[in-house]
Amino acid sequence: MTMVAAQQIAARKMYGGGSNIPGYLEQEVLLWSPEKITLKTFDLFIVSAKRRDARRLNKILAELMGALNYDAGDLPHRLNRIYEYCQRCVAHQRYDEAAQIITELRDTWEQTFNLSAS
């Protein structure tokens, strides 16, 4: 999958999943780096956890797990275990616990890649 295709998918997921995404928002997302897309995916998880939307939380976790590059050493495997734990939290309706874990990952991600919250 090309970066543009991945960003178009991210635009649809970030802004409601339909084809009714305003053009300027889709263009904004197309300019995001993969790191920023991951940051926004974490944000979407946190918002969805506050809404107790288990279906969306599981979809987001599946996307995060699918984006891992397992050839990049031990870190992707560790992240996968964290995401699996978050899936168990969601299954047991421990949304706040899952949100806390993802919030910590999100904040670390933001600091590591010097990303703004905008």
C-alpha atoms as a PDB file:
ATOM      1  CA  MET A   1       0.000   0.000   0.000  1.00  0.00           C
ATOM      2  CA  THR A   2       1.387   3.406  -0.894  1.00  0.00           C
ATOM      3  CA  MET A   3       1.661   6.235   1.619  1.00  0.00           C
ATOM      4  CA  VAL A   4      -1.048   8.217  -0.181  1.00  0.00           C
ATOM      5  CA  ALA A   5      -3.442   5.254  -0.071  1.00  0.00           C
ATOM      6  CA  ALA A   6      -2.727   4.745   3.623  1.00  0.00           C
ATOM      7  CA  GLN A   7      -3.299   8.418   4.315  1.00  0.00           C
ATOM      8  CA  GLN A   8      -6.594   8.386   2.412  1.00  0.00           C
ATOM      9  CA  ILE A   9      -7.735   5.470   4.544  1.00  0.00           C
ATOM     10  CA  ALA A  10      -6.617   7.354   7.658  1.00  0.00           C
ATOM     11  CA  ALA A  11      -8.569  10.421   6.547  1.00  0.00           C
ATOM     12  CA  ARG A  12     -11.722   8.365   6.217  1.00  0.00           C
ATOM     13  CA  LYS A  13     -11.217   6.734   9.600  1.00  0.00           C
ATOM     14  CA  MET A  14     -10.340   9.963  11.388  1.00  0.00           C
ATOM     15  CA  TYR A  15     -13.326  11.895  10.067  1.00  0.00           C
ATOM     16  CA  GLY A  16     -16.158   9.437  10.232  1.00  0.00           C
ATOM     17  CA  GLY A  17     -15.410   6.752   7.694  1.00  0.00           C
ATOM     18  CA  GLY A  18     -17.639   8.006   4.909  1.00  0.00           C
ATOM     19  CA  SER A  19     -17.022   9.729   1.638  1.00  0.00           C
ATOM     20  CA  ASN A  20     -18.407  12.944   3.121  1.00  0.00           C
ATOM     21  CA  ILE A  21     -15.013  14.133   4.362  1.00  0.00           C
ATOM     22  CA  PRO A  22     -14.509  17.803   3.586  1.00  0.00           C
ATOM     23  CA  GLY A  23     -11.799  18.240   0.960  1.00  0.00           C
ATOM     24  CA  TYR A  24      -9.649  20.501   3.110  1.00  0.00           C
ATOM     25  CA  LEU A  25      -9.591  17.908   5.916  1.00  0.00           C
ATOM     26  CA  GLU A  26      -8.633  15.118   3.555  1.00  0.00           C
ATOM     27  CA  GLN A  27      -5.837  17.294   2.159  1.00  0.00           C
ATOM     28  CA  GLU A  28      -4.620  17.994   5.695  1.00  0.00           C
ATOM     29  CA  VAL A  29      -4.438  14.288   6.508  1.00  0.00           C
ATOM     30  CA  LEU A  30      -2.674  13.539   3.217  1.00  0.00           C
ATOM     31  CA  LEU A  31       0.144  15.804   4.387  1.00  0.00           C
ATOM     32  CA  TRP A  32       0.593  14.034   7.722  1.00  0.00           C
ATOM     33  CA  SER A  33       3.630  11.874   8.360  1.00  0.00           C
ATOM     34  CA  PRO A  34       3.135   8.238   9.428  1.00  0.00           C
ATOM     35  CA  GLU A  35       4.140   9.333  12.936  1.00  0.00           C
ATOM     36  CA  LYS A  36       1.391  11.973  13.018  1.00  0.00           C
ATOM     37  CA  ILE A  37      -1.170   9.465  11.731  1.00  0.00           C
ATOM     38  CA  THR A  38      -0.245   7.164  14.613  1.00  0.00           C
ATOM     39  CA  LEU A  39      -0.556  10.055  17.075  1.00  0.00           C
ATOM     40  CA  LYS A  40      -4.030  10.893  15.758  1.00  0.00           C
ATOM     41  CA  THR A  41      -4.982   7.212  15.928  1.00  0.00           C
ATOM     42  CA  PHE A  42      -4.032   7.226  19.613  1.00  0.00           C
ATOM     43  CA  ASP A  43      -6.183  10.349  20.029  1.00  0.00           C
ATOM     44  CA  LEU A  44      -9.103   8.608  18.366  1.00  0.00           C
ATOM     45  CA  PHE A  45      -8.693   5.660  20.734  1.00  0.00           C
ATOM     46  CA  ILE A  46      -8.782   7.953  23.776  1.00  0.00           C
ATOM     47  CA  VAL A  47     -11.942   9.720  22.577  1.00  0.00           C
ATOM     48  CA  SER A  48     -13.595   6.389  21.763  1.00  0.00           C
ATOM     49  CA  ALA A  49     -12.699   5.028  25.213  1.00  0.00           C
ATOM     50  CA  LYS A  50     -14.432   7.986  26.849  1.00  0.00           C
ATOM     51  CA  ARG A  51     -17.504   7.132  24.766  1.00  0.00           C
ATOM     52  CA  ARG A  52     -17.229   3.459  25.750  1.00  0.00           C
ATOM     53  CA  ASP A  53     -17.358   2.505  22.062  1.00  0.00           C
ATOM     54  CA  ALA A  54     -15.968  -1.045  22.202  1.00  0.00           C
ATOM     55  CA  ARG A  55     -16.496  -1.710  18.490  1.00  0.00           C
ATOM     56  CA  ARG A  56     -14.461   1.322  17.463  1.00  0.00           C
ATOM     57  CA  LEU A  57     -11.791   0.641  20.107  1.00  0.00           C
ATOM     58  CA  ASN A  58     -11.250  -2.859  18.737  1.00  0.00           C
ATOM     59  CA  LYS A  59     -11.031  -1.527  15.183  1.00  0.00           C
ATOM     60  CA  ILE A  60      -8.446   1.053  16.254  1.00  0.00           C
ATOM     61  CA  LEU A  61      -6.384  -1.564  18.096  1.00  0.00           C
ATOM     62  CA  ALA A  62      -6.507  -3.814  15.038  1.00  0.00           C
ATOM     63  CA  GLU A  63      -5.215  -0.922  12.915  1.00  0.00           C
ATOM     64  CA  LEU A  64      -2.407  -0.186  15.372  1.00  0.00           C
ATOM     65  CA  MET A  65      -1.434  -3.861  15.480  1.00  0.00           C
ATOM     66  CA  GLY A  66      -1.550  -4.133  11.706  1.00  0.00           C
ATOM     67  CA  ALA A  67       0.747  -1.153  11.323  1.00  0.00           C
ATOM     68  CA  LEU A  68       3.557  -2.730  13.344  1.00  0.00           C
ATOM     69  CA  ASN A  69       6.720  -3.661  11.479  1.00  0.00           C
ATOM     70  CA  TYR A  70       7.847  -6.873  13.166  1.00  0.00           C
ATOM     71  CA  ASP A  71      11.178  -6.770  11.306  1.00  0.00           C
ATOM     72  CA  ALA A  72      12.173  -3.693  13.332  1.00  0.00           C
ATOM     73  CA  GLY A  73      13.396  -5.533  16.404  1.00  0.00           C
ATOM     74  CA  ASP A  74      11.759  -6.215  19.747  1.00  0.00           C
ATOM     75  CA  LEU A  75       9.732  -3.014  20.144  1.00  0.00           C
ATOM     76  CA  PRO A  76       6.899  -3.950  17.740  1.00  0.00           C
ATOM     77  CA  HIS A  77       6.444  -7.254  19.594  1.00  0.00           C
ATOM     78  CA  ARG A  78       6.235  -5.404  22.902  1.00  0.00           C
ATOM     79  CA  LEU A  79       3.751  -2.920  21.491  1.00  0.00           C
ATOM     80  CA  ASN A  80       1.667  -5.811  20.178  1.00  0.00           C
ATOM     81  CA  ARG A  81       1.478  -7.268  23.686  1.00  0.00           C
ATOM     82  CA  ILE A  82       0.394  -3.886  25.035  1.00  0.00           C
ATOM     83  CA  TYR A  83      -2.303  -3.622  22.365  1.00  0.00           C
ATOM     84  CA  GLU A  84      -3.453  -7.172  23.146  1.00  0.00           C
ATOM     85  CA  TYR A  85      -3.736  -6.228  26.810  1.00  0.00           C
ATOM     86  CA  CYS A  86      -5.794  -3.189  25.818  1.00  0.00           C
ATOM     87  CA  GLN A  87      -8.066  -5.514  23.813  1.00  0.00           C
ATOM     88  CA  ARG A  88      -8.623  -7.563  26.963  1.00  0.00           C
ATOM     89  CA  CYS A  89      -9.388  -4.378  28.901  1.00  0.00           C
ATOM     90  CA  VAL A  90     -11.978  -3.402  26.308  1.00  0.00           C
ATOM     91  CA  ALA A  91     -13.491  -6.894  26.378  1.00  0.00           C
ATOM     92  CA  HIS A  92     -13.870  -6.570  30.159  1.00  0.00           C
ATOM     93  CA  GLN A  93     -15.192  -2.995  29.865  1.00  0.00           C
ATOM     94  CA  ARG A  94     -12.142  -1.502  31.574  1.00  0.00           C
ATOM     95  CA  TYR A  95     -12.132   1.450  29.193  1.00  0.00           C
ATOM     96  CA  ASP A  96     -10.381   3.842  31.565  1.00  0.00           C
ATOM     97  CA  GLU A  97      -7.474   1.439  32.047  1.00  0.00           C
ATOM     98  CA  ALA A  98      -7.055   0.975  28.306  1.00  0.00           C
ATOM     99  CA  ALA A  99      -7.280   4.740  27.758  1.00  0.00           C
ATOM    100  CA  GLN A 100      -4.622   5.363  30.407  1.00  0.00           C
ATOM    101  CA  ILE A 101      -2.216   2.942  28.722  1.00  0.00           C
ATOM    102  CA  ILE A 102      -2.790   4.425  25.270  1.00  0.00           C
ATOM    103  CA  THR A 103      -2.519   7.969  26.692  1.00  0.00           C
ATOM    104  CA  GLU A 104       0.928   7.155  28.057  1.00  0.00           C
ATOM    105  CA  LEU A 105       1.955   5.654  24.694  1.00  0.00           C
ATOM    106  CA  ARG A 106       0.527   8.685  22.909  1.00  0.00           C
ATOM    107  CA  ASP A 107       2.422  11.160  25.087  1.00  0.00           C
ATOM    108  CA  THR A 108       5.674   9.241  24.635  1.00  0.00           C
ATOM    109  CA  TRP A 109       5.078   9.062  20.875  1.00  0.00           C
ATOM    110  CA  GLU A 110       4.428  12.809  20.721  1.00  0.00           C
ATOM    111  CA  GLN A 111       7.622  13.610  22.641  1.00  0.00           C
ATOM    112  CA  THR A 112       9.746  11.135  20.685  1.00  0.00           C
ATOM    113  CA  PHE A 113       8.777  12.551  17.290  1.00  0.00           C
ATOM    114  CA  ASN A 114       8.385  16.191  18.437  1.00  0.00           C
ATOM    115  CA  LEU A 115       4.781  16.295  17.207  1.00  0.00           C
ATOM    116  CA  SER A 116       2.366  19.012  18.146  1.00  0.00           C
ATOM    117  CA  ALA A 117      -1.057  18.065  19.463  1.00  0.00           C
ATOM    118  CA  SER A 118      -2.790  19.945  16.650  1.00  0.00           C
END
